[in-house]
Amino acid sequence: MTTAAARTLARRVWRWVWASTTETRAPDDRQGRAGFLECGTRLEPPVIPEVYTDPHPVAHHIAGQAVLAGPLAPVHNPATGQVARWVHQAEGPQIVQAVAAAVAAQRPWGEMPVAQRARVLQRFLHLAQGAGRELAQRIGSEQGKTLDDALGEVRRALEFVEFACAAPALLGGRYSAQAATGLDHWTQPQPLGVTVGVTASSCPFMLPLWMAPLALVCGNSFILKPSPLAPSAALWIAEALREAGLPPGVFQVLQGGAETVNGLICHPEVAALSFVGRSSVARSLYARGAELGKRVQALGSAKNHLVVLPDADLDAACEALVGAAFGSAGQRCMAVSVALLVGHTADALIPRLMDRARNLRVGPGWQEGVELGPLSSAEAMARVERLIGCGAEDGARLLVDGRGLRVRGHEGGFFVGATLIDEVQPWMRIYQEEVFGPVLLCLRVPDLEAAQALIAAHPLAQAAVLYTRSGAAARRFVQQVPVGAVGINVPLPQPLAWMGFGGWKGSLYGEPAAYGPEAFHFYTRQKAVLQRWEPAPAGAAFVFPGAR
């Protein structure tokens, strides 16, 4: 399919109302507040629509068809706070219908050669590569991301599809010829059946593609329950997979909330569930899945630390902290939310961080030059501002306070400015909890050992980063820090598609990796086969066969 055809597909799925506006940033009238552009400074006119509207509610995708059923919930544009469209919420009848379709479709799909399943994903990959900008536009308008950030999400998401396309070479068992006299022995992976994915709003295109391509290429059917805050990217995936030749019922989308998730995990035909979201929900789903005999992989919250040693390149460390803490408005599981500043580095770094935080360009993500967009919902904004307030009440020092930020022309948007907090103590609530917003906490520590002790003591263990010029310090950090991913002079150590990813401790419940080679094990079950064709020994065998 040509790039033009891919774009036509995207336009069929989405309807846009284009707006042409210019924005100014309001003057900052409170000392210490996250700065706007100077009063009267204009950003470039938007190159993406400000508000997308569609008279049709966001549907489910069941058995290859759009299904409009269930109560409606609003979908807001985070930059304006306005209801942009409505999304249906799946109830019992839709869950039963979708699971029945998944069961019926899975067996013939699972019996198809793995190379044929991979070819469907290859065609999907081609469609998505030709529709990157349309995908980024929709992601930004529902989730609030800047255009560059959304384009980056699309590019990274497609790497997971590329990895899944390699399944013919990677998906296999082990074989031992003549394991015993006349006995051949091997294992072979087989599909689980009906699998489910539940994703957060932080990456509405990438998170489904962590899961679905691997589940599908392993021969399973897959039901996606996306976040109701950003539901439309899931429908694009469903439509593009249908266009790529995926049989109806193999991939489906059920819109909804917690009730929909509960209905899916409790359904007796659902074999496995993969989840990305808060640790409290991850822990609950893991416990429920274990009770019901389901296979569960539940990725939860994070509190990622970045340690800066005195020998580090401080310019690079400053920019790393700004990008990792405030990029995506802090709404990603790999965001750095804690800076552990060793020795005198705090005196050199904090003034630079204050200047950068005050001068980040805040505004709607569709405007060129914007560096910090809105949070995904009014509830998220309220929670982040509440935690900032808790930090101040507990005695932390607010160097840059992003609360109460208003973007001119978008006063109803869910904006929180970049926030920098110093003199944070480990017992404070704002340190213990995941903030999931553009908030960077600064803690001063005497040495690397003290920094590692703080990281080790935290209940969340997704990732940790060290900035240094010392190979010895870096090696010690890699070996000793108890987290799932480590970056050395790399601010966002998100493992690549073929390496696997998952946190430790309270950041992950259940199976250990969301993608990579381990995902082939999650989405299959191993069958052991022992085969003998030579005449069996005379008489009954009362012992296990051995390697003789």
Protein backbone atom coordinates (compact mmCIF):
# COMPACT_ATOMS: atom_id res chain seq x y z
CA MET A 1 0.00 0.00 0.00
CA THR A 2 1.27 3.46 -0.87
CA THR A 3 1.84 6.26 1.59
CA ALA A 4 -1.09 8.11 0.05
CA ALA A 5 -3.34 5.12 0.65
CA ALA A 6 -2.21 4.94 4.26
CA ARG A 7 -3.06 8.58 4.75
CA THR A 8 -6.47 7.99 3.20
CA LEU A 9 -7.05 5.23 5.72
CA ALA A 10 -6.15 7.56 8.57
CA ARG A 11 -8.51 10.23 7.29
CA ARG A 12 -11.34 7.72 7.09
CA VAL A 13 -10.86 6.92 10.74
CA TRP A 14 -10.55 10.51 11.94
CA ARG A 15 -12.41 13.72 11.17
CA TRP A 16 -10.78 16.97 12.01
CA VAL A 17 -11.87 20.56 12.33
CA TRP A 18 -8.85 22.70 11.60
CA ALA A 19 -8.32 25.86 13.55
CA SER A 20 -5.82 28.61 12.85
CA THR A 21 -4.93 30.58 15.95
CA THR A 22 -1.96 32.24 17.55
CA GLU A 23 -1.21 32.14 21.24
CA THR A 24 0.55 34.30 23.76
CA ARG A 25 1.80 33.26 27.13
CA ALA A 26 0.45 35.20 30.04
CA PRO A 27 2.92 37.17 32.14
CA ASP A 28 4.13 35.58 35.33
CA ASP A 29 2.87 37.61 38.26
CA ARG A 30 4.12 35.51 41.13
CA GLN A 31 7.77 35.19 42.12
CA GLY A 32 9.02 31.64 41.86
CA ARG A 33 6.24 30.59 39.48
CA ALA A 34 7.03 28.60 36.34
CA GLY A 35 7.65 31.29 33.75
CA PHE A 36 5.72 31.92 30.58
CA LEU A 37 7.14 33.64 27.57
CA GLU A 38 7.46 37.33 28.13
CA CYS A 39 4.13 39.08 27.83
CA GLY A 40 3.25 39.62 24.19
CA THR A 41 5.68 37.05 22.82
CA ARG A 42 3.92 35.05 20.13
CA LEU A 43 4.38 31.45 19.26
CA GLU A 44 4.19 30.30 15.67
CA PRO A 45 0.69 29.60 14.32
CA PRO A 46 -0.41 26.04 15.00
CA VAL A 47 0.24 23.46 12.34
CA ILE A 48 -2.19 20.96 13.84
CA PRO A 49 -5.88 21.50 14.64
CA GLU A 50 -6.58 23.03 18.00
CA VAL A 51 -9.84 21.21 18.63
CA TYR A 52 -10.92 18.09 16.80
CA THR A 53 -14.63 17.38 16.78
CA ASP A 54 -16.66 14.42 15.59
CA PRO A 55 -20.43 14.05 15.88
CA HIS A 56 -19.98 10.29 16.21
CA PRO A 57 -18.99 8.85 19.61
CA VAL A 58 -15.89 6.71 19.87
CA ALA A 59 -17.01 3.12 19.30
CA HIS A 60 -15.91 -0.34 20.29
CA HIS A 61 -14.37 -2.55 17.62
CA ILE A 62 -15.94 -6.01 17.92
CA ALA A 63 -15.66 -8.81 15.37
CA GLY A 64 -14.41 -6.41 12.73
CA GLN A 65 -17.24 -3.90 13.16
CA ALA A 66 -17.76 -0.60 14.96
CA VAL A 67 -20.23 -1.14 17.80
CA LEU A 68 -22.01 1.78 19.45
CA ALA A 69 -23.28 0.46 22.77
CA GLY A 70 -23.06 1.26 26.45
CA PRO A 71 -23.17 4.56 28.36
CA LEU A 72 -21.21 7.57 27.14
CA ALA A 73 -18.30 9.29 28.87
CA PRO A 74 -16.67 12.58 27.82
CA VAL A 75 -13.29 12.82 26.11
CA HIS A 76 -11.65 16.18 26.83
CA ASN A 77 -9.10 18.14 24.88
CA PRO A 78 -6.47 18.68 27.61
CA ALA A 79 -5.33 22.01 26.16
CA THR A 80 -8.79 23.56 26.32
CA GLY A 81 -10.59 21.56 28.98
CA GLN A 82 -13.53 21.25 26.60
CA VAL A 83 -15.40 18.07 25.81
CA ALA A 84 -14.20 17.18 22.33
CA ARG A 85 -16.19 13.99 21.83
CA TRP A 86 -17.77 11.09 23.69
CA VAL A 87 -16.74 7.48 24.14
CA HIS A 88 -18.91 4.45 24.78
CA GLN A 89 -18.27 2.33 27.88
CA ALA A 90 -18.50 -1.44 27.43
CA GLU A 91 -20.88 -3.34 29.67
CA GLY A 92 -21.66 -7.03 30.12
CA PRO A 93 -23.24 -7.68 26.70
CA GLN A 94 -20.32 -6.11 24.82
CA ILE A 95 -17.79 -8.06 26.91
CA VAL A 96 -19.60 -11.33 26.21
CA GLN A 97 -19.85 -10.50 22.51
CA ALA A 98 -16.18 -9.58 22.20
CA VAL A 99 -14.87 -12.60 24.09
CA ALA A 100 -17.09 -14.95 22.06
CA ALA A 101 -15.73 -13.44 18.85
CA ALA A 102 -12.17 -13.75 20.18
CA VAL A 103 -12.67 -17.42 21.05
CA ALA A 104 -14.12 -18.21 17.63
CA ALA A 105 -11.36 -16.38 15.76
CA GLN A 106 -8.40 -17.58 17.80
CA ARG A 107 -8.23 -21.24 16.79
CA PRO A 108 -7.90 -20.76 13.01
CA TRP A 109 -5.57 -17.82 13.60
CA GLY A 110 -3.41 -19.87 15.97
CA GLU A 111 -3.22 -22.73 13.45
CA MET A 112 -1.95 -20.40 10.74
CA PRO A 113 1.83 -20.60 10.14
CA VAL A 114 3.71 -18.04 12.16
CA ALA A 115 5.22 -16.56 8.99
CA GLN A 116 1.74 -15.77 7.68
CA ARG A 117 0.80 -14.12 10.96
CA ALA A 118 3.98 -12.04 10.77
CA ARG A 119 3.10 -10.90 7.23
CA VAL A 120 -0.12 -9.33 8.53
CA LEU A 121 1.97 -7.32 10.99
CA GLN A 122 4.35 -6.32 8.21
CA ARG A 123 1.43 -4.88 6.24
CA PHE A 124 0.19 -3.09 9.36
CA LEU A 125 3.68 -1.65 9.86
CA HIS A 126 3.66 -0.25 6.35
CA LEU A 127 0.28 1.40 6.93
CA ALA A 128 1.41 2.98 10.19
CA GLN A 129 4.66 4.27 8.71
CA GLY A 130 2.65 6.20 6.15
CA ALA A 131 0.30 7.73 8.70
CA GLY A 132 2.74 8.96 11.34
CA ARG A 133 1.69 12.60 11.32
CA GLU A 134 -2.03 11.83 11.48
CA LEU A 135 -1.36 9.49 14.39
CA ALA A 136 0.69 12.14 16.18
CA GLN A 137 -2.08 14.69 15.72
CA ARG A 138 -4.67 12.48 17.31
CA ILE A 139 -2.39 11.47 20.18
CA GLY A 140 -1.62 15.11 20.93
CA SER A 141 -5.23 16.26 20.85
CA GLU A 142 -6.42 13.58 23.27
CA GLN A 143 -3.39 13.12 25.50
CA GLY A 144 -1.89 16.62 25.31
CA LYS A 145 1.58 15.77 23.98
CA THR A 146 3.60 18.10 21.83
CA LEU A 147 3.87 17.18 18.17
CA ASP A 148 7.52 16.14 18.46
CA ASP A 149 6.76 13.98 21.49
CA ALA A 150 3.83 12.30 19.76
CA LEU A 151 5.87 11.65 16.61
CA GLY A 152 8.54 10.11 18.80
CA GLU A 153 5.94 7.85 20.38
CA VAL A 154 4.80 6.65 16.96
CA ARG A 155 8.35 5.93 15.82
CA ARG A 156 9.17 4.02 19.00
CA ALA A 157 5.89 2.09 18.88
CA LEU A 158 6.64 0.75 15.43
CA GLU A 159 9.91 -0.74 16.66
CA PHE A 160 7.85 -3.19 18.71
CA VAL A 161 5.95 -4.21 15.59
CA GLU A 162 9.25 -4.70 13.77
CA PHE A 163 10.44 -6.99 16.55
CA ALA A 164 7.22 -9.02 16.45
CA CYS A 165 7.69 -9.50 12.70
CA ALA A 166 10.85 -11.47 13.52
CA ALA A 167 8.81 -14.16 15.28
CA PRO A 168 9.39 -16.82 12.59
CA ALA A 169 13.07 -16.83 13.60
CA LEU A 170 12.53 -16.35 17.34
CA LEU A 171 9.38 -18.25 18.30
CA GLY A 172 10.36 -21.86 18.84
CA GLY A 173 11.08 -24.56 21.36
CA ARG A 174 14.09 -26.73 22.14
CA TYR A 175 14.88 -30.04 20.45
CA SER A 176 16.99 -32.94 21.64
CA ALA A 177 17.41 -35.84 19.21
CA GLN A 178 18.19 -39.22 20.72
CA ALA A 179 17.72 -37.83 24.22
CA ALA A 180 17.60 -41.46 25.31
CA THR A 181 17.78 -44.70 23.37
CA GLY A 182 15.34 -44.29 20.50
CA LEU A 183 13.76 -41.29 22.22
CA ASP A 184 13.45 -37.79 20.73
CA HIS A 185 12.45 -34.94 23.02
CA TRP A 186 11.36 -31.40 22.25
CA THR A 187 9.24 -28.51 23.48
CA GLN A 188 6.91 -26.42 21.37
CA PRO A 189 5.18 -23.13 22.24
CA GLN A 190 1.43 -22.96 21.78
CA PRO A 191 -0.95 -19.98 22.04
CA LEU A 192 -2.75 -19.23 25.27
CA GLY A 193 -6.06 -18.33 23.61
CA VAL A 194 -7.83 -15.06 24.43
CA THR A 195 -5.53 -12.37 25.84
CA VAL A 196 -6.30 -8.86 27.11
CA GLY A 197 -4.33 -5.62 27.26
CA VAL A 198 -5.21 -2.67 29.50
CA THR A 199 -3.27 0.50 28.76
CA ALA A 200 -2.80 3.95 30.29
CA SER A 201 -3.31 7.30 28.58
CA SER A 202 0.40 8.20 28.78
CA CYS A 203 1.25 6.52 25.46
CA PRO A 204 -2.05 5.64 23.75
CA PHE A 205 -0.39 4.31 20.60
CA MET A 206 2.84 2.80 21.93
CA LEU A 207 1.50 0.88 24.92
CA PRO A 208 -0.97 -1.21 22.88
CA LEU A 209 1.87 -2.05 20.52
CA TRP A 210 4.01 -3.27 23.42
CA MET A 211 1.44 -6.01 23.77
CA ALA A 212 -0.77 -6.71 20.77
CA PRO A 213 1.77 -7.53 18.03
CA LEU A 214 3.51 -10.12 20.21
CA ALA A 215 0.24 -11.61 21.43
CA LEU A 216 -1.04 -11.84 17.85
CA VAL A 217 2.10 -13.27 16.26
CA CYS A 218 2.13 -15.95 18.96
CA GLY A 219 -1.29 -17.07 17.72
CA ASN A 220 -3.57 -15.51 20.34
CA SER A 221 -6.56 -13.29 19.91
CA PHE A 222 -6.28 -9.96 21.73
CA ILE A 223 -8.80 -7.57 23.29
CA LEU A 224 -7.51 -4.06 23.99
CA LYS A 225 -9.07 -1.89 26.69
CA PRO A 226 -7.49 1.57 26.17
CA SER A 227 -7.67 4.51 28.54
CA PRO A 228 -10.97 6.40 28.24
CA LEU A 229 -8.92 9.62 28.28
CA ALA A 230 -7.32 8.81 24.91
CA PRO A 231 -9.42 6.13 23.20
CA SER A 232 -9.06 6.89 19.50
CA ALA A 233 -5.58 5.58 18.70
CA ALA A 234 -6.83 2.10 19.60
CA LEU A 235 -9.48 2.33 16.89
CA TRP A 236 -6.86 3.35 14.35
CA ILE A 237 -4.87 0.24 15.24
CA ALA A 238 -7.97 -1.95 14.85
CA GLU A 239 -8.89 -0.46 11.49
CA ALA A 240 -5.33 -0.68 10.18
CA LEU A 241 -5.01 -4.32 11.27
CA ARG A 242 -8.27 -5.09 9.47
CA GLU A 243 -6.92 -3.35 6.38
CA ALA A 244 -3.72 -5.40 6.71
CA GLY A 245 -5.70 -8.64 6.52
CA LEU A 246 -6.22 -9.62 10.15
CA PRO A 247 -9.35 -11.80 10.43
CA PRO A 248 -12.32 -10.30 12.33
CA GLY A 249 -12.30 -11.05 16.04
CA VAL A 250 -8.55 -11.60 16.36
CA PHE A 251 -7.96 -8.00 17.51
CA GLN A 252 -10.78 -6.09 19.18
CA VAL A 253 -11.21 -2.90 21.18
CA LEU A 254 -13.52 -2.50 24.15
CA GLN A 255 -13.75 1.06 25.45
CA GLY A 256 -14.49 1.55 29.11
CA GLY A 257 -13.21 1.90 32.63
CA ALA A 258 -12.65 -0.25 35.71
CA GLU A 259 -15.91 -2.17 35.28
CA THR A 260 -14.85 -3.23 31.80
CA VAL A 261 -11.47 -4.43 33.06
CA ASN A 262 -13.11 -6.39 35.87
CA GLY A 263 -15.51 -8.03 33.43
CA LEU A 264 -12.65 -9.08 31.18
CA ILE A 265 -10.35 -10.52 33.82
CA CYS A 266 -13.23 -12.46 35.38
CA HIS A 267 -14.36 -13.99 32.10
CA PRO A 268 -13.49 -17.72 32.11
CA GLU A 269 -12.28 -17.67 28.48
CA VAL A 270 -9.66 -14.95 29.11
CA ALA A 271 -6.28 -16.62 29.66
CA ALA A 272 -3.94 -13.69 30.27
CA LEU A 273 -3.92 -9.96 30.96
CA SER A 274 -1.19 -7.36 30.51
CA PHE A 275 -1.59 -4.01 32.26
CA VAL A 276 0.20 -0.66 32.45
CA GLY A 277 -0.92 1.88 35.05
CA ARG A 278 -0.73 2.67 38.75
CA SER A 279 0.78 0.22 41.21
CA SER A 280 -2.37 0.06 43.32
CA VAL A 281 -4.34 -1.19 40.31
CA ALA A 282 -1.48 -3.43 39.14
CA ARG A 283 -1.33 -5.11 42.53
CA SER A 284 -5.11 -5.61 42.60
CA LEU A 285 -5.23 -7.09 39.09
CA TYR A 286 -2.33 -9.40 39.86
CA ALA A 287 -4.06 -10.70 42.99
CA ARG A 288 -7.36 -11.13 41.17
CA GLY A 289 -5.70 -12.90 38.27
CA ALA A 290 -3.88 -15.29 40.60
CA GLU A 291 -7.14 -16.10 42.34
CA LEU A 292 -8.77 -16.90 38.99
CA GLY A 293 -5.81 -18.80 37.55
CA LYS A 294 -4.95 -16.16 34.94
CA ARG A 295 -1.53 -15.24 33.70
CA VAL A 296 -0.97 -11.57 34.63
CA GLN A 297 1.72 -9.05 33.84
CA ALA A 298 1.03 -5.74 35.60
CA LEU A 299 3.41 -2.80 35.29
CA GLY A 300 2.86 -0.16 37.93
CA SER A 301 4.14 3.18 39.16
CA ALA A 302 7.69 4.54 39.16
CA LYS A 303 9.89 6.94 41.10
CA ASN A 304 13.00 7.22 38.98
CA HIS A 305 16.15 8.82 40.39
CA LEU A 306 18.97 10.55 38.52
CA VAL A 307 22.27 10.79 40.41
CA VAL A 308 24.78 13.50 39.49
CA LEU A 309 28.37 13.01 40.65
CA PRO A 310 30.76 15.98 40.99
CA ASP A 311 32.83 14.77 38.03
CA ALA A 312 29.84 14.75 35.65
CA ASP A 313 29.36 17.09 32.70
CA LEU A 314 26.99 19.46 34.49
CA ASP A 315 25.66 21.05 31.31
CA ALA A 316 24.68 17.63 30.01
CA ALA A 317 23.25 16.63 33.39
CA CYS A 318 21.14 19.80 33.55
CA GLU A 319 19.63 19.23 30.11
CA ALA A 320 19.09 15.56 30.92
CA LEU A 321 17.14 16.46 34.05
CA VAL A 322 15.03 19.05 32.25
CA GLY A 323 14.11 16.70 29.42
CA ALA A 324 13.56 13.62 31.56
CA ALA A 325 11.56 15.41 34.26
CA PHE A 326 9.45 17.79 32.19
CA GLY A 327 9.21 16.02 28.84
CA SER A 328 5.74 14.57 28.19
CA ALA A 329 4.70 16.81 31.12
CA GLY A 330 6.21 14.14 33.36
CA GLN A 331 3.48 11.70 32.30
CA ARG A 332 5.53 8.62 31.47
CA CYS A 333 6.78 5.72 33.53
CA MET A 334 10.41 6.50 32.67
CA ALA A 335 10.24 10.15 33.74
CA VAL A 336 12.93 11.24 36.19
CA SER A 337 11.24 12.76 39.22
CA VAL A 338 14.14 12.83 41.71
CA ALA A 339 17.59 14.42 41.32
CA LEU A 340 20.14 13.09 43.81
CA LEU A 341 22.86 15.74 43.81
CA VAL A 342 26.15 14.55 45.25
CA GLY A 343 28.43 16.93 47.14
CA HIS A 344 28.73 20.42 45.67
CA THR A 345 26.79 19.63 42.49
CA ALA A 346 23.61 21.08 43.99
CA ASP A 347 25.14 24.56 44.22
CA ALA A 348 26.07 24.48 40.54
CA LEU A 349 23.02 22.70 39.13
CA ILE A 350 20.04 24.12 40.99
CA PRO A 351 20.36 27.70 39.65
CA ARG A 352 20.55 26.33 36.11
CA LEU A 353 17.54 24.10 36.69
CA MET A 354 15.56 27.03 38.07
CA ASP A 355 16.32 29.12 35.00
CA ARG A 356 15.37 26.32 32.60
CA ALA A 357 12.17 25.46 34.47
CA ARG A 358 11.01 29.09 34.55
CA ASN A 359 11.57 29.55 30.84
CA LEU A 360 10.10 26.41 29.34
CA ARG A 361 7.54 27.24 26.67
CA VAL A 362 4.17 26.01 27.91
CA GLY A 363 1.13 25.72 25.68
CA PRO A 364 -1.02 23.48 23.52
CA GLY A 365 0.97 20.64 22.05
CA TRP A 366 -0.05 21.42 18.48
CA GLN A 367 1.81 24.75 18.49
CA GLU A 368 5.34 24.78 17.13
CA GLY A 369 7.96 25.53 19.75
CA VAL A 370 5.96 24.35 22.76
CA GLU A 371 8.09 22.30 25.15
CA LEU A 372 5.57 21.52 27.88
CA GLY A 373 1.95 20.63 27.16
CA PRO A 374 -1.00 20.04 29.48
CA LEU A 375 -1.69 17.10 31.74
CA SER A 376 -4.14 14.52 30.45
CA SER A 377 -7.10 15.35 32.69
CA ALA A 378 -8.49 17.73 35.27
CA GLU A 379 -8.09 14.98 37.87
CA ALA A 380 -4.42 14.58 37.01
CA MET A 381 -3.88 18.33 37.30
CA ALA A 382 -5.61 18.45 40.69
CA ARG A 383 -3.59 15.51 41.99
CA VAL A 384 -0.24 16.97 40.90
CA GLU A 385 -1.06 20.35 42.43
CA ARG A 386 -2.20 18.65 45.63
CA LEU A 387 1.08 16.75 45.93
CA ILE A 388 3.07 19.93 45.32
CA GLY A 389 1.12 21.49 48.17
CA CYS A 390 1.89 18.50 50.39
CA GLY A 391 5.59 18.98 49.72
CA ALA A 392 5.41 22.62 50.76
CA GLU A 393 3.42 21.77 53.89
CA ASP A 394 5.98 19.12 54.85
CA GLY A 395 8.78 21.69 54.71
CA ALA A 396 10.24 21.29 51.24
CA ARG A 397 11.30 24.47 49.46
CA LEU A 398 9.41 25.36 46.28
CA LEU A 399 11.96 26.99 44.00
CA VAL A 400 9.68 27.05 40.96
CA ASP A 401 5.96 26.55 41.51
CA GLY A 402 3.92 25.54 38.47
CA ARG A 403 0.53 25.54 40.13
CA GLY A 404 -2.23 27.82 38.94
CA LEU A 405 -0.69 28.30 35.50
CA ARG A 406 -3.03 29.73 32.86
CA VAL A 407 -2.31 29.79 29.15
CA ARG A 408 -3.86 32.78 27.45
CA GLY A 409 -6.69 31.63 25.21
CA HIS A 410 -6.63 28.21 26.88
CA GLU A 411 -7.56 29.14 30.42
CA GLY A 412 -9.57 25.94 30.84
CA GLY A 413 -6.65 23.70 29.90
CA PHE A 414 -5.10 21.22 32.31
CA PHE A 415 -1.75 22.99 32.61
CA VAL A 416 0.80 22.68 35.40
CA GLY A 417 4.08 24.47 34.86
CA ALA A 418 7.49 22.96 35.43
CA THR A 419 8.00 22.66 39.20
CA LEU A 420 11.32 22.44 41.03
CA ILE A 421 11.40 21.52 44.73
CA ASP A 422 14.51 21.53 46.93
CA GLU A 423 15.24 20.30 50.46
CA VAL A 424 13.03 17.26 50.03
CA GLN A 425 13.23 14.55 52.69
CA PRO A 426 12.68 10.82 52.02
CA TRP A 427 9.76 10.58 54.46
CA MET A 428 7.72 13.20 52.61
CA ARG A 429 4.63 12.08 50.74
CA ILE A 430 5.73 13.82 47.55
CA TYR A 431 8.89 11.68 47.59
CA GLN A 432 7.18 8.41 48.44
CA GLU A 433 4.44 8.64 45.80
CA GLU A 434 4.60 8.79 42.02
CA VAL A 435 3.61 12.34 41.03
CA PHE A 436 3.21 11.74 37.27
CA GLY A 437 3.57 15.39 36.40
CA PRO A 438 6.24 18.00 35.57
CA VAL A 439 7.76 18.00 39.05
CA LEU A 440 11.45 17.51 39.89
CA LEU A 441 12.53 16.89 43.49
CA CYS A 442 16.09 17.69 44.59
CA LEU A 443 17.81 15.80 47.39
CA ARG A 444 21.39 16.51 48.46
CA VAL A 445 23.54 13.51 49.36
CA PRO A 446 27.20 13.27 50.43
CA ASP A 447 28.31 10.45 48.13
CA LEU A 448 27.26 7.75 45.68
CA GLU A 449 26.72 5.20 48.45
CA ALA A 450 24.15 7.47 50.11
CA ALA A 451 22.40 7.97 46.78
CA GLN A 452 22.24 4.22 46.18
CA ALA A 453 20.86 3.69 49.67
CA LEU A 454 17.98 6.07 48.97
CA ILE A 455 17.18 4.33 45.70
CA ALA A 456 17.32 0.92 47.36
CA ALA A 457 14.98 2.02 50.15
CA HIS A 458 12.23 3.28 47.85
CA PRO A 459 9.30 0.90 47.32
CA LEU A 460 9.23 1.60 43.58
CA ALA A 461 12.12 0.37 41.43
CA GLN A 462 11.57 1.10 37.76
CA ALA A 463 14.78 2.86 36.71
CA ALA A 464 17.79 4.83 37.93
CA VAL A 465 20.33 7.00 36.11
CA LEU A 466 23.90 8.05 36.90
CA TYR A 467 25.75 10.97 35.33
CA THR A 468 29.51 10.64 35.76
CA ARG A 469 32.85 10.43 33.96
CA SER A 470 34.04 7.60 36.20
CA GLY A 471 33.89 4.12 34.73
CA ALA A 472 34.47 2.57 38.14
CA ALA A 473 31.56 4.47 39.68
CA ALA A 474 29.33 3.57 36.74
CA ARG A 475 30.20 -0.11 36.97
CA ARG A 476 29.53 -0.17 40.71
CA PHE A 477 26.20 1.60 40.19
CA VAL A 478 25.08 -0.85 37.50
CA GLN A 479 25.94 -3.84 39.69
CA GLN A 480 24.47 -2.59 42.95
CA VAL A 481 21.43 -0.41 42.29
CA PRO A 482 18.23 -2.52 42.69
CA VAL A 483 16.05 -1.35 39.78
CA GLY A 484 14.82 -2.80 36.51
CA ALA A 485 16.64 -0.42 34.14
CA VAL A 486 19.83 1.63 34.55
CA GLY A 487 21.09 4.55 32.49
CA ILE A 488 24.70 5.72 32.50
CA ASN A 489 24.66 9.23 31.02
CA VAL A 490 21.35 8.20 29.40
CA PRO A 491 18.43 10.06 31.01
CA LEU A 492 15.58 7.79 29.82
CA PRO A 493 16.88 4.20 29.92
CA GLN A 494 13.87 2.66 28.21
CA PRO A 495 15.05 -0.73 26.87
CA LEU A 496 14.76 -1.22 23.14
CA ALA A 497 12.08 -3.42 21.63
CA TRP A 498 14.20 -6.57 21.45
CA MET A 499 15.60 -6.38 25.00
CA GLY A 500 12.58 -6.63 27.32
CA PHE A 501 11.37 -4.23 30.01
CA GLY A 502 9.97 -4.36 33.52
CA GLY A 503 10.58 -2.76 36.89
CA TRP A 504 11.30 -4.36 40.25
CA LYS A 505 9.52 -4.34 43.63
CA GLY A 506 6.31 -2.29 43.57
CA SER A 507 6.79 -1.28 39.93
CA LEU A 508 5.92 -4.74 38.57
CA TYR A 509 3.59 -7.54 39.59
CA GLY A 510 3.59 -10.89 37.84
CA GLU A 511 5.50 -11.82 34.70
CA PRO A 512 8.81 -10.00 34.30
CA ALA A 513 8.88 -8.32 30.88
CA ALA A 514 6.44 -6.31 28.81
CA TYR A 515 8.12 -7.01 25.49
CA GLY A 516 11.28 -8.50 24.05
CA PRO A 517 12.10 -12.23 24.05
CA GLU A 518 10.42 -12.77 27.43
CA ALA A 519 7.09 -11.71 25.92
CA PHE A 520 7.11 -14.79 23.68
CA HIS A 521 7.06 -16.84 26.88
CA PHE A 522 4.28 -14.75 28.40
CA TYR A 523 1.99 -15.16 25.38
CA THR A 524 2.59 -18.90 24.89
CA ARG A 525 2.62 -22.05 26.97
CA GLN A 526 5.20 -24.74 26.48
CA LYS A 527 4.27 -28.29 25.58
CA ALA A 528 6.86 -31.02 26.13
CA VAL A 529 6.87 -33.92 23.66
CA LEU A 530 8.70 -37.25 24.09
CA GLN A 531 8.58 -39.55 21.07
CA ARG A 532 9.81 -43.11 20.48
CA TRP A 533 9.29 -45.19 17.34
CA GLU A 534 11.56 -48.14 18.05
CA PRO A 535 10.04 -51.23 19.69
CA ALA A 536 9.47 -50.67 23.39
CA PRO A 537 11.32 -52.86 25.88
CA ALA A 538 9.42 -55.96 26.89
CA GLY A 539 7.28 -55.76 29.98
CA ALA A 540 5.69 -52.92 31.93
CA ALA A 541 7.76 -49.83 32.73
CA PHE A 542 7.37 -48.73 36.35
CA VAL A 543 9.93 -45.90 36.31
CA PHE A 544 10.31 -42.59 34.50
CA PRO A 545 12.28 -42.71 31.24
CA GLY A 546 15.85 -41.59 31.74
CA ALA A 547 18.61 -40.34 29.49
CA ARG A 548 19.96 -43.82 28.71
